[in-house]
């Protein structure tokens, strides 16, 4: 499905720093994250536990979609989405979109 450039521009991408990460009981793939996106803390539910431990993620700067409608996943109100790549069919290859230079939390990404 193709989307227009105008629709793409509606997406708000920001740098987020993961301040805390924890496993979700009964969900092998899910981590509950606390992410600072520039003075605002958000909770995200991310299906990245196959590839990342909570300890690996804490302190990492990532790219977050910040203007998605919140969704409840396994009882967690998720207020954004991490950007990541992976090989289809192999979730162990998940690789988060990160920064090659340091930018402050909340910085715009385009």
PDB file of N, CA and C in Angstrom:
ATOM      1  N   UNK A   1       0.841  -1.175   0.000  1.00  0.00           N
ATOM      2  CA  UNK A   1       0.000   0.000   0.000  1.00  0.00           C
ATOM      3  C   UNK A   1       0.890   1.243   0.000  1.00  0.00           C
ATOM      4  N   UNK A   2       0.605   2.140  -0.890  1.00  0.00           N
ATOM      5  CA  UNK A   2       1.334   3.404  -0.973  1.00  0.00           C
ATOM      6  C   UNK A   2       0.609   4.456  -0.139  1.00  0.00           C
ATOM      7  N   UNK A   3       1.394   5.323   0.499  1.00  0.00           N
ATOM      8  CA  UNK A   3       0.805   6.471   1.184  1.00  0.00           C
ATOM      9  C   UNK A   3       1.363   7.730   0.546  1.00  0.00           C
ATOM     10  N   UNK A   4       0.641   8.791   0.681  1.00  0.00           N
ATOM     11  CA  UNK A   4       1.098  10.052   0.096  1.00  0.00           C
ATOM     12  C   UNK A   4       2.190  10.663   0.972  1.00  0.00           C
ATOM     13  N   UNK A   5       2.967  11.541   0.383  1.00  0.00           N
ATOM     14  CA  UNK A   5       3.985  12.265   1.134  1.00  0.00           C
ATOM     15  C   UNK A   5       3.330  13.074   2.249  1.00  0.00           C
ATOM     16  N   UNK A   6       2.153  13.618   1.982  1.00  0.00           N
ATOM     17  CA  UNK A   6       1.435  14.396   2.995  1.00  0.00           C
ATOM     18  C   UNK A   6       1.069  13.513   4.192  1.00  0.00           C
ATOM     19  N   UNK A   7       0.671  12.269   3.929  1.00  0.00           N
ATOM     20  CA  UNK A   7       0.376  11.351   5.030  1.00  0.00           C
ATOM     21  C   UNK A   7       1.646  11.014   5.807  1.00  0.00           C
ATOM     22  N   UNK A   8       2.739  10.795   5.108  1.00  0.00           N
ATOM     23  CA  UNK A   8       4.013  10.506   5.773  1.00  0.00           C
ATOM     24  C   UNK A   8       4.412  11.658   6.688  1.00  0.00           C
ATOM     25  N   UNK A   9       4.197  12.886   6.231  1.00  0.00           N
ATOM     26  CA  UNK A   9       4.569  14.056   7.022  1.00  0.00           C
ATOM     27  C   UNK A   9       3.768  14.186   8.311  1.00  0.00           C
ATOM     28  N   UNK A  10       2.654  13.503   8.408  1.00  0.00           N
ATOM     29  CA  UNK A  10       1.844  13.556   9.627  1.00  0.00           C
ATOM     30  C   UNK A  10       2.502  12.812  10.783  1.00  0.00           C
ATOM     31  N   UNK A  11       3.424  11.908  10.457  1.00  0.00           N
ATOM     32  CA  UNK A  11       4.093  11.132  11.484  1.00  0.00           C
ATOM     33  C   UNK A  11       5.088  12.014  12.226  1.00  0.00           C
ATOM     34  N   UNK A  12       5.028  11.988  13.553  1.00  0.00           N
ATOM     35  CA  UNK A  12       5.971  12.750  14.367  1.00  0.00           C
ATOM     36  C   UNK A  12       6.997  11.787  14.942  1.00  0.00           C
ATOM     37  N   UNK A  13       8.250  11.976  14.534  1.00  0.00           N
ATOM     38  CA  UNK A  13       9.349  11.137  15.000  1.00  0.00           C
ATOM     39  C   UNK A  13      10.237  11.972  15.909  1.00  0.00           C
ATOM     40  N   UNK A  14      10.587  11.419  17.067  1.00  0.00           N
ATOM     41  CA  UNK A  14      11.421  12.121  18.043  1.00  0.00           C
ATOM     42  C   UNK A  14      12.479  11.175  18.602  1.00  0.00           C
ATOM     43  N   UNK A  15      13.575  11.779  19.061  1.00  0.00           N
ATOM     44  CA  UNK A  15      14.583  11.025  19.795  1.00  0.00           C
ATOM     45  C   UNK A  15      14.027  10.750  21.187  1.00  0.00           C
ATOM     46  N   UNK A  16      14.134   9.514  21.610  1.00  0.00           N
ATOM     47  CA  UNK A  16      13.718   9.140  22.961  1.00  0.00           C
ATOM     48  C   UNK A  16      14.844   8.400  23.653  1.00  0.00           C
ATOM     49  N   UNK A  17      15.027   8.670  24.933  1.00  0.00           N
ATOM     50  CA  UNK A  17      16.039   7.958  25.717  1.00  0.00           C
ATOM     51  C   UNK A  17      15.320   6.995  26.655  1.00  0.00           C
ATOM     52  N   UNK A  18      15.664   5.726  26.547  1.00  0.00           N
ATOM     53  CA  UNK A  18      15.030   4.704  27.380  1.00  0.00           C
ATOM     54  C   UNK A  18      15.604   4.807  28.785  1.00  0.00           C
ATOM     55  N   UNK A  19      14.746   5.160  29.735  1.00  0.00           N
ATOM     56  CA  UNK A  19      15.179   5.336  31.120  1.00  0.00           C
ATOM     57  C   UNK A  19      15.013   4.067  31.942  1.00  0.00           C
ATOM     58  N   UNK A  20      14.042   3.234  31.577  1.00  0.00           N
ATOM     59  CA  UNK A  20      13.807   1.986  32.301  1.00  0.00           C
ATOM     60  C   UNK A  20      13.179   0.982  31.348  1.00  0.00           C
ATOM     61  N   UNK A  21      13.495  -0.287  31.585  1.00  0.00           N
ATOM     62  CA  UNK A  21      12.937  -1.374  30.774  1.00  0.00           C
ATOM     63  C   UNK A  21      12.720  -2.569  31.683  1.00  0.00           C
ATOM     64  N   UNK A  22      11.591  -3.229  31.500  1.00  0.00           N
ATOM     65  CA  UNK A  22      11.308  -4.416  32.310  1.00  0.00           C
ATOM     66  C   UNK A  22      10.524  -5.431  31.495  1.00  0.00           C
ATOM     67  N   UNK A  23      10.727  -6.689  31.842  1.00  0.00           N
ATOM     68  CA  UNK A  23       9.987  -7.765  31.186  1.00  0.00           C
ATOM     69  C   UNK A  23       8.522  -7.711  31.621  1.00  0.00           C
ATOM     70  N   UNK A  24       7.650  -8.206  30.763  1.00  0.00           N
ATOM     71  CA  UNK A  24       6.222  -8.258  31.055  1.00  0.00           C
ATOM     72  C   UNK A  24       5.866  -9.708  31.355  1.00  0.00           C
ATOM     73  N   UNK A  25       5.319  -9.944  32.526  1.00  0.00           N
ATOM     74  CA  UNK A  25       4.958 -11.293  32.949  1.00  0.00           C
ATOM     75  C   UNK A  25       3.996 -11.932  31.947  1.00  0.00           C
ATOM     76  N   UNK A  26       4.329 -13.154  31.518  1.00  0.00           N
ATOM     77  CA  UNK A  26       3.467 -13.897  30.603  1.00  0.00           C
ATOM     78  C   UNK A  26       3.585 -13.492  29.147  1.00  0.00           C
ATOM     79  N   UNK A  27       4.546 -12.609  28.828  1.00  0.00           N
ATOM     80  CA  UNK A  27       4.724 -12.150  27.437  1.00  0.00           C
ATOM     81  C   UNK A  27       6.209 -12.236  27.089  1.00  0.00           C
ATOM     82  N   UNK A  28       6.597 -13.321  26.432  1.00  0.00           N
ATOM     83  CA  UNK A  28       8.012 -13.565  26.140  1.00  0.00           C
ATOM     84  C   UNK A  28       8.654 -12.513  25.251  1.00  0.00           C
ATOM     85  N   UNK A  29       7.873 -11.870  24.393  1.00  0.00           N
ATOM     86  CA  UNK A  29       8.435 -10.927  23.420  1.00  0.00           C
ATOM     87  C   UNK A  29       8.349  -9.470  23.859  1.00  0.00           C
ATOM     88  N   UNK A  30       7.605  -9.196  24.920  1.00  0.00           N
ATOM     89  CA  UNK A  30       7.251  -7.821  25.255  1.00  0.00           C
ATOM     90  C   UNK A  30       8.096  -7.244  26.383  1.00  0.00           C
ATOM     91  N   UNK A  31       8.514  -5.987  26.203  1.00  0.00           N
ATOM     92  CA  UNK A  31       9.151  -5.217  27.268  1.00  0.00           C
ATOM     93  C   UNK A  31       8.331  -3.955  27.512  1.00  0.00           C
ATOM     94  N   UNK A  32       8.250  -3.559  28.767  1.00  0.00           N
ATOM     95  CA  UNK A  32       7.619  -2.293  29.140  1.00  0.00           C
ATOM     96  C   UNK A  32       8.743  -1.281  29.324  1.00  0.00           C
ATOM     97  N   UNK A  33       8.672  -0.193  28.564  1.00  0.00           N
ATOM     98  CA  UNK A  33       9.726   0.817  28.566  1.00  0.00           C
ATOM     99  C   UNK A  33       9.205   2.143  29.103  1.00  0.00           C
ATOM    100  N   UNK A  34      10.063   2.853  29.816  1.00  0.00           N
ATOM    101  CA  UNK A  34       9.817   4.249  30.164  1.00  0.00           C
ATOM    102  C   UNK A  34      10.797   5.057  29.336  1.00  0.00           C
ATOM    103  N   UNK A  35      10.262   5.953  28.497  1.00  0.00           N
ATOM    104  CA  UNK A  35      11.084   6.686  27.533  1.00  0.00           C
ATOM    105  C   UNK A  35      10.899   8.185  27.740  1.00  0.00           C
ATOM    106  N   UNK A  36      12.022   8.902  27.821  1.00  0.00           N
ATOM    107  CA  UNK A  36      12.001  10.369  27.907  1.00  0.00           C
ATOM    108  C   UNK A  36      12.069  10.906  26.483  1.00  0.00           C
ATOM    109  N   UNK A  37      11.048  11.668  26.094  1.00  0.00           N
ATOM    110  CA  UNK A  37      11.057  12.256  24.747  1.00  0.00           C
ATOM    111  C   UNK A  37      11.131  13.782  24.833  1.00  0.00           C
ATOM    112  N   UNK A  38      12.006  14.256  25.705  1.00  0.00           N
ATOM    113  CA  UNK A  38      12.217  15.696  25.825  1.00  0.00           C
ATOM    114  C   UNK A  38      11.434  16.305  26.962  1.00  0.00           C
ATOM    115  N   UNK A  39      11.658  15.805  28.158  1.00  0.00           N
ATOM    116  CA  UNK A  39      10.963  16.325  29.320  1.00  0.00           C
ATOM    117  C   UNK A  39       9.624  15.674  29.569  1.00  0.00           C
ATOM    118  N   UNK A  40       9.174  14.846  28.662  1.00  0.00           N
ATOM    119  CA  UNK A  40       7.918  14.109  28.828  1.00  0.00           C
ATOM    120  C   UNK A  40       8.245  12.622  28.868  1.00  0.00           C
ATOM    121  N   UNK A  41       7.781  11.953  29.906  1.00  0.00           N
ATOM    122  CA  UNK A  41       8.002  10.517  30.040  1.00  0.00           C
ATOM    123  C   UNK A  41       6.801   9.777  29.457  1.00  0.00           C
ATOM    124  N   UNK A  42       7.089   8.764  28.667  1.00  0.00           N
ATOM    125  CA  UNK A  42       6.028   7.945  28.082  1.00  0.00           C
ATOM    126  C   UNK A  42       6.304   6.473  28.354  1.00  0.00           C
ATOM    127  N   UNK A  43       5.224   5.720  28.454  1.00  0.00           N
ATOM    128  CA  UNK A  43       5.311   4.269  28.575  1.00  0.00           C
ATOM    129  C   UNK A  43       5.089   3.672  27.197  1.00  0.00           C
ATOM    130  N   UNK A  44       5.964   2.745  26.817  1.00  0.00           N
ATOM    131  CA  UNK A  44       5.826   2.042  25.544  1.00  0.00           C
ATOM    132  C   UNK A  44       5.869   0.547  25.810  1.00  0.00           C
ATOM    133  N   UNK A  45       5.050  -0.202  25.106  1.00  0.00           N
ATOM    134  CA  UNK A  45       5.128  -1.657  25.097  1.00  0.00           C
ATOM    135  C   UNK A  45       5.793  -2.028  23.777  1.00  0.00           C
ATOM    136  N   UNK A  46       6.937  -2.685  23.859  1.00  0.00           N
ATOM    137  CA  UNK A  46       7.715  -2.982  22.652  1.00  0.00           C
ATOM    138  C   UNK A  46       8.004  -4.477  22.559  1.00  0.00           C
ATOM    139  N   UNK A  47       7.716  -5.067  21.414  1.00  0.00           N
ATOM    140  CA  UNK A  47       7.940  -6.491  21.191  1.00  0.00           C
ATOM    141  C   UNK A  47       9.365  -6.784  20.761  1.00  0.00           C
ATOM    142  N   UNK A  48      10.316  -6.431  21.615  1.00  0.00           N
ATOM    143  CA  UNK A  48      11.732  -6.567  21.257  1.00  0.00           C
ATOM    144  C   UNK A  48      12.510  -7.472  22.215  1.00  0.00           C
ATOM    145  N   UNK A  49      11.817  -8.147  23.137  1.00  0.00           N
ATOM    146  CA  UNK A  49      12.511  -8.935  24.158  1.00  0.00           C
ATOM    147  C   UNK A  49      13.248 -10.141  23.592  1.00  0.00           C
ATOM    148  N   UNK A  50      12.914 -10.567  22.377  1.00  0.00           N
ATOM    149  CA  UNK A  50      13.632 -11.681  21.748  1.00  0.00           C
ATOM    150  C   UNK A  50      15.061 -11.262  21.411  1.00  0.00           C
ATOM    151  N   UNK A  51      15.261  -9.980  21.118  1.00  0.00           N
ATOM    152  CA  UNK A  51      16.565  -9.495  20.668  1.00  0.00           C
ATOM    153  C   UNK A  51      17.303  -8.645  21.701  1.00  0.00           C
ATOM    154  N   UNK A  52      16.586  -8.071  22.662  1.00  0.00           N
ATOM    155  CA  UNK A  52      17.201  -7.149  23.626  1.00  0.00           C
ATOM    156  C   UNK A  52      16.777  -7.493  25.048  1.00  0.00           C
ATOM    157  N   UNK A  53      17.733  -7.400  25.968  1.00  0.00           N
ATOM    158  CA  UNK A  53      17.407  -7.518  27.388  1.00  0.00           C
ATOM    159  C   UNK A  53      17.077  -6.124  27.919  1.00  0.00           C
ATOM    160  N   UNK A  54      16.362  -6.043  29.036  1.00  0.00           N
ATOM    161  CA  UNK A  54      16.098  -4.728  29.621  1.00  0.00           C
ATOM    162  C   UNK A  54      17.383  -3.947  29.902  1.00  0.00           C
ATOM    163  N   UNK A  55      18.420  -4.648  30.324  1.00  0.00           N
ATOM    164  CA  UNK A  55      19.684  -3.987  30.644  1.00  0.00           C
ATOM    165  C   UNK A  55      20.339  -3.367  29.404  1.00  0.00           C
ATOM    166  N   UNK A  56      20.229  -4.039  28.263  1.00  0.00           N
ATOM    167  CA  UNK A  56      20.793  -3.507  27.012  1.00  0.00           C
ATOM    168  C   UNK A  56      20.105  -2.223  26.572  1.00  0.00           C
ATOM    169  N   UNK A  57      18.818  -2.116  26.856  1.00  0.00           N
ATOM    170  CA  UNK A  57      18.046  -0.975  26.362  1.00  0.00           C
ATOM    171  C   UNK A  57      18.135   0.250  27.262  1.00  0.00           C
ATOM    172  N   UNK A  58      18.314   0.044  28.548  1.00  0.00           N
ATOM    173  CA  UNK A  58      18.342   1.171  29.475  1.00  0.00           C
ATOM    174  C   UNK A  58      19.500   2.100  29.124  1.00  0.00           C
ATOM    175  N   UNK A  59      19.165   3.376  28.900  1.00  0.00           N
ATOM    176  CA  UNK A  59      20.158   4.382  28.540  1.00  0.00           C
ATOM    177  C   UNK A  59      20.326   4.589  27.047  1.00  0.00           C
ATOM    178  N   UNK A  60      19.699   3.744  26.234  1.00  0.00           N
ATOM    179  CA  UNK A  60      19.846   3.826  24.779  1.00  0.00           C
ATOM    180  C   UNK A  60      18.936   4.906  24.204  1.00  0.00           C
ATOM    181  N   UNK A  61      19.455   5.673  23.238  1.00  0.00           N
ATOM    182  CA  UNK A  61      18.647   6.646  22.496  1.00  0.00           C
ATOM    183  C   UNK A  61      18.103   5.974  21.244  1.00  0.00           C
ATOM    184  N   UNK A  62      16.797   6.137  21.020  1.00  0.00           N
ATOM    185  CA  UNK A  62      16.100   5.469  19.923  1.00  0.00           C
ATOM    186  C   UNK A  62      15.193   6.465  19.215  1.00  0.00           C
ATOM    187  N   UNK A  63      14.606   6.030  18.100  1.00  0.00           N
ATOM    188  CA  UNK A  63      13.643   6.858  17.374  1.00  0.00           C
ATOM    189  C   UNK A  63      12.240   6.351  17.719  1.00  0.00           C
ATOM    190  N   UNK A  64      11.369   7.293  18.116  1.00  0.00           N
ATOM    191  CA  UNK A  64      10.023   6.956  18.580  1.00  0.00           C
ATOM    192  C   UNK A  64       8.984   7.695  17.737  1.00  0.00           C
ATOM    193  N   UNK A  65       7.956   6.971  17.307  1.00  0.00           N
ATOM    194  CA  UNK A  65       6.782   7.611  16.708  1.00  0.00           C
ATOM    195  C   UNK A  65       5.941   8.098  17.886  1.00  0.00           C
ATOM    196  N   UNK A  66       5.771   9.421  17.989  1.00  0.00           N
ATOM    197  CA  UNK A  66       5.159   9.988  19.191  1.00  0.00           C
ATOM    198  C   UNK A  66       3.707  10.417  19.027  1.00  0.00           C
ATOM    199  N   UNK A  67       3.179  10.391  17.818  1.00  0.00           N
ATOM    200  CA  UNK A  67       1.797  10.857  17.655  1.00  0.00           C
ATOM    201  C   UNK A  67       0.831   9.746  17.230  1.00  0.00           C
ATOM    202  N   UNK A  68       1.133   8.518  17.616  1.00  0.00           N
ATOM    203  CA  UNK A  68       0.174   7.426  17.428  1.00  0.00           C
ATOM    204  C   UNK A  68      -0.867   7.484  18.538  1.00  0.00           C
ATOM    205  N   UNK A  69      -2.070   7.067  18.231  1.00  0.00           N
ATOM    206  CA  UNK A  69      -3.064   6.935  19.291  1.00  0.00           C
ATOM    207  C   UNK A  69      -2.574   5.867  20.263  1.00  0.00           C
ATOM    208  N   UNK A  70      -2.729   6.095  21.571  1.00  0.00           N
ATOM    209  CA  UNK A  70      -2.319   5.071  22.537  1.00  0.00           C
ATOM    210  C   UNK A  70      -3.062   3.761  22.289  1.00  0.00           C
ATOM    211  N   UNK A  71      -2.370   2.657  22.566  1.00  0.00           N
ATOM    212  CA  UNK A  71      -2.957   1.322  22.428  1.00  0.00           C
ATOM    213  C   UNK A  71      -2.663   0.547  23.704  1.00  0.00           C
ATOM    214  N   UNK A  72      -3.590  -0.283  24.129  1.00  0.00           N
ATOM    215  CA  UNK A  72      -3.363  -1.117  25.307  1.00  0.00           C
ATOM    216  C   UNK A  72      -2.912  -2.493  24.842  1.00  0.00           C
ATOM    217  N   UNK A  73      -1.708  -2.872  25.276  1.00  0.00           N
ATOM    218  CA  UNK A  73      -1.102  -4.143  24.893  1.00  0.00           C
ATOM    219  C   UNK A  73      -0.780  -4.904  26.172  1.00  0.00           C
ATOM    220  N   UNK A  74      -1.415  -6.049  26.364  1.00  0.00           N
ATOM    221  CA  UNK A  74      -1.215  -6.863  27.570  1.00  0.00           C
ATOM    222  C   UNK A  74      -1.381  -6.031  28.844  1.00  0.00           C
ATOM    223  N   UNK A  75      -2.364  -5.144  28.838  1.00  0.00           N
ATOM    224  CA  UNK A  75      -2.654  -4.328  30.007  1.00  0.00           C
ATOM    225  C   UNK A  75      -1.779  -3.096  30.163  1.00  0.00           C
ATOM    226  N   UNK A  76      -0.867  -2.866  29.215  1.00  0.00           N
ATOM    227  CA  UNK A  76       0.026  -1.702  29.263  1.00  0.00           C
ATOM    228  C   UNK A  76      -0.471  -0.671  28.266  1.00  0.00           C
ATOM    229  N   UNK A  77      -0.659   0.552  28.728  1.00  0.00           N
ATOM    230  CA  UNK A  77      -1.056   1.638  27.819  1.00  0.00           C
ATOM    231  C   UNK A  77       0.206   2.136  27.122  1.00  0.00           C
ATOM    232  N   UNK A  78       0.354   1.783  25.856  1.00  0.00           N
ATOM    233  CA  UNK A  78       1.537   2.136  25.078  1.00  0.00           C
ATOM    234  C   UNK A  78       1.297   3.461  24.361  1.00  0.00           C
ATOM    235  N   UNK A  79       2.200   4.425  24.593  1.00  0.00           N
ATOM    236  CA  UNK A  79       2.027   5.795  24.111  1.00  0.00           C
ATOM    237  C   UNK A  79       3.027   6.168  23.021  1.00  0.00           C
ATOM    238  N   UNK A  80       3.335   5.233  22.157  1.00  0.00           N
ATOM    239  CA  UNK A  80       4.266   5.473  21.061  1.00  0.00           C
ATOM    240  C   UNK A  80       4.776   4.156  20.519  1.00  0.00           C
ATOM    241  N   UNK A  81       5.697   4.249  19.556  1.00  0.00           N
ATOM    242  CA  UNK A  81       6.252   3.046  18.945  1.00  0.00           C
ATOM    243  C   UNK A  81       7.712   3.285  18.581  1.00  0.00           C
ATOM    244  N   UNK A  82       8.549   2.293  18.885  1.00  0.00           N
ATOM    245  CA  UNK A  82       9.950   2.343  18.473  1.00  0.00           C
ATOM    246  C   UNK A  82      10.046   1.989  16.997  1.00  0.00           C
ATOM    247  N   UNK A  83      11.018   2.568  16.305  1.00  0.00           N
ATOM    248  CA  UNK A  83      11.301   2.152  14.932  1.00  0.00           C
ATOM    249  C   UNK A  83      12.393   1.095  14.965  1.00  0.00           C
ATOM    250  N   UNK A  84      12.201   0.044  14.173  1.00  0.00           N
ATOM    251  CA  UNK A  84      13.163  -1.055  14.138  1.00  0.00           C
ATOM    252  C   UNK A  84      13.093  -1.749  12.789  1.00  0.00           C
ATOM    253  N   UNK A  85      14.149  -2.456  12.482  1.00  0.00           N
ATOM    254  CA  UNK A  85      14.183  -3.299  11.296  1.00  0.00           C
ATOM    255  C   UNK A  85      14.416  -4.740  11.723  1.00  0.00           C
ATOM    256  N   UNK A  86      14.051  -5.707  10.850  1.00  0.00           N
ATOM    257  CA  UNK A  86      14.308  -7.115  11.109  1.00  0.00           C
ATOM    258  C   UNK A  86      14.107  -7.902   9.827  1.00  0.00           C
ATOM    259  N   UNK A  87      14.662  -9.089   9.826  1.00  0.00           N
ATOM    260  CA  UNK A  87      14.453  -9.998   8.701  1.00  0.00           C
ATOM    261  C   UNK A  87      13.129 -10.715   8.919  1.00  0.00           C
ATOM    262  N   UNK A  88      12.255 -10.649   7.936  1.00  0.00           N
ATOM    263  CA  UNK A  88      10.931 -11.263   8.060  1.00  0.00           C
ATOM    264  C   UNK A  88      11.076 -12.733   8.435  1.00  0.00           C
ATOM    265  N   UNK A  89      10.337 -13.128   9.459  1.00  0.00           N
ATOM    266  CA  UNK A  89      10.367 -14.512   9.904  1.00  0.00           C
ATOM    267  C   UNK A  89      11.424 -14.813  10.947  1.00  0.00           C
ATOM    268  N   UNK A  90      12.256 -13.844  11.301  1.00  0.00           N
ATOM    269  CA  UNK A  90      13.311 -14.070  12.292  1.00  0.00           C
ATOM    270  C   UNK A  90      13.387 -12.881  13.244  1.00  0.00           C
ATOM    271  N   UNK A  91      12.560 -12.915  14.280  1.00  0.00           N
ATOM    272  CA  UNK A  91      12.497 -11.796  15.220  1.00  0.00           C
ATOM    273  C   UNK A  91      13.789 -11.593  15.998  1.00  0.00           C
ATOM    274  N   UNK A  92      14.658 -12.607  16.033  1.00  0.00           N
ATOM    275  CA  UNK A  92      15.923 -12.442  16.754  1.00  0.00           C
ATOM    276  C   UNK A  92      16.836 -11.436  16.062  1.00  0.00           C
ATOM    277  N   UNK A  93      16.498 -11.044  14.832  1.00  0.00           N
ATOM    278  CA  UNK A  93      17.326 -10.080  14.090  1.00  0.00           C
ATOM    279  C   UNK A  93      16.875  -8.636  14.299  1.00  0.00           C
ATOM    280  N   UNK A  94      15.903  -8.404  15.183  1.00  0.00           N
ATOM    281  CA  UNK A  94      15.411  -7.042  15.415  1.00  0.00           C
ATOM    282  C   UNK A  94      16.582  -6.117  15.721  1.00  0.00           C
ATOM    283  N   UNK A  95      16.602  -4.976  15.039  1.00  0.00           N
ATOM    284  CA  UNK A  95      17.617  -3.945  15.266  1.00  0.00           C
ATOM    285  C   UNK A  95      16.907  -2.599  15.364  1.00  0.00           C
ATOM    286  N   UNK A  96      17.019  -1.969  16.519  1.00  0.00           N
ATOM    287  CA  UNK A  96      16.368  -0.679  16.729  1.00  0.00           C
ATOM    288  C   UNK A  96      17.049   0.411  15.924  1.00  0.00           C
ATOM    289  N   UNK A  97      16.259   1.364  15.450  1.00  0.00           N
ATOM    290  CA  UNK A  97      16.809   2.540  14.783  1.00  0.00           C
ATOM    291  C   UNK A  97      17.372   3.440  15.881  1.00  0.00           C
ATOM    292  N   UNK A  98      18.686   3.672  15.826  1.00  0.00           N
ATOM    293  CA  UNK A  98      19.368   4.492  16.824  1.00  0.00           C
ATOM    294  C   UNK A  98      20.087   5.638  16.120  1.00  0.00           C
ATOM    295  N   UNK A  99      20.841   6.404  16.884  1.00  0.00           N
ATOM    296  CA  UNK A  99      21.519   7.584  16.353  1.00  0.00           C
ATOM    297  C   UNK A  99      23.012   7.327  16.227  1.00  0.00           C
ATOM    298  N   UNK A 100      23.639   7.900  15.203  1.00  0.00           N
ATOM    299  CA  UNK A 100      25.095   7.771  15.101  1.00  0.00           C
ATOM    300  C   UNK A 100      25.807   8.955  15.752  1.00  0.00           C
ATOM    301  N   UNK A 101      25.047   9.976  16.143  1.00  0.00           N
ATOM    302  CA  UNK A 101      25.559  11.109  16.918  1.00  0.00           C
ATOM    303  C   UNK A 101      24.567  11.378  18.034  1.00  0.00           C
ATOM    304  N   UNK A 102      25.062  11.953  19.112  1.00  0.00           N
ATOM    305  CA  UNK A 102      24.181  12.227  20.244  1.00  0.00           C
ATOM    306  C   UNK A 102      23.303  13.444  19.977  1.00  0.00           C
ATOM    307  N   UNK A 103      22.011  13.276  20.207  1.00  0.00           N
ATOM    308  CA  UNK A 103      21.036  14.365  20.154  1.00  0.00           C
ATOM    309  C   UNK A 103      20.221  14.306  21.437  1.00  0.00           C
ATOM    310  N   UNK A 104      19.698  15.435  21.886  1.00  0.00           N
ATOM    311  CA  UNK A 104      18.914  15.415  23.121  1.00  0.00           C
ATOM    312  C   UNK A 104      17.569  14.722  22.920  1.00  0.00           C
ATOM    313  N   UNK A 105      17.053  14.189  24.002  1.00  0.00           N
ATOM    314  CA  UNK A 105      15.711  13.608  23.968  1.00  0.00           C
ATOM    315  C   UNK A 105      14.726  14.659  23.496  1.00  0.00           C
ATOM    316  N   UNK A 106      13.805  14.237  22.644  1.00  0.00           N
ATOM    317  CA  UNK A 106      12.798  15.144  22.114  1.00  0.00           C
ATOM    318  C   UNK A 106      13.176  15.786  20.798  1.00  0.00           C
ATOM    319  N   UNK A 107      14.443  15.643  20.376  1.00  0.00           N
ATOM    320  CA  UNK A 107      14.861  16.231  19.100  1.00  0.00           C
ATOM    321  C   UNK A 107      14.057  15.607  17.966  1.00  0.00           C
ATOM    322  N   UNK A 108      13.702  16.424  16.988  1.00  0.00           N
ATOM    323  CA  UNK A 108      12.920  15.951  15.843  1.00  0.00           C
ATOM    324  C   UNK A 108      13.768  15.057  14.948  1.00  0.00           C
ATOM    325  N   UNK A 109      13.124  14.052  14.365  1.00  0.00           N
ATOM    326  CA  UNK A 109      13.753  13.150  13.401  1.00  0.00           C
ATOM    327  C   UNK A 109      12.917  13.222  12.133  1.00  0.00           C
ATOM    328  N   UNK A 110      13.593  13.337  10.993  1.00  0.00           N
ATOM    329  CA  UNK A 110      12.847  13.373   9.731  1.00  0.00           C
ATOM    330  C   UNK A 110      13.605  12.612   8.666  1.00  0.00           C
TER     331      UNK A 110
END
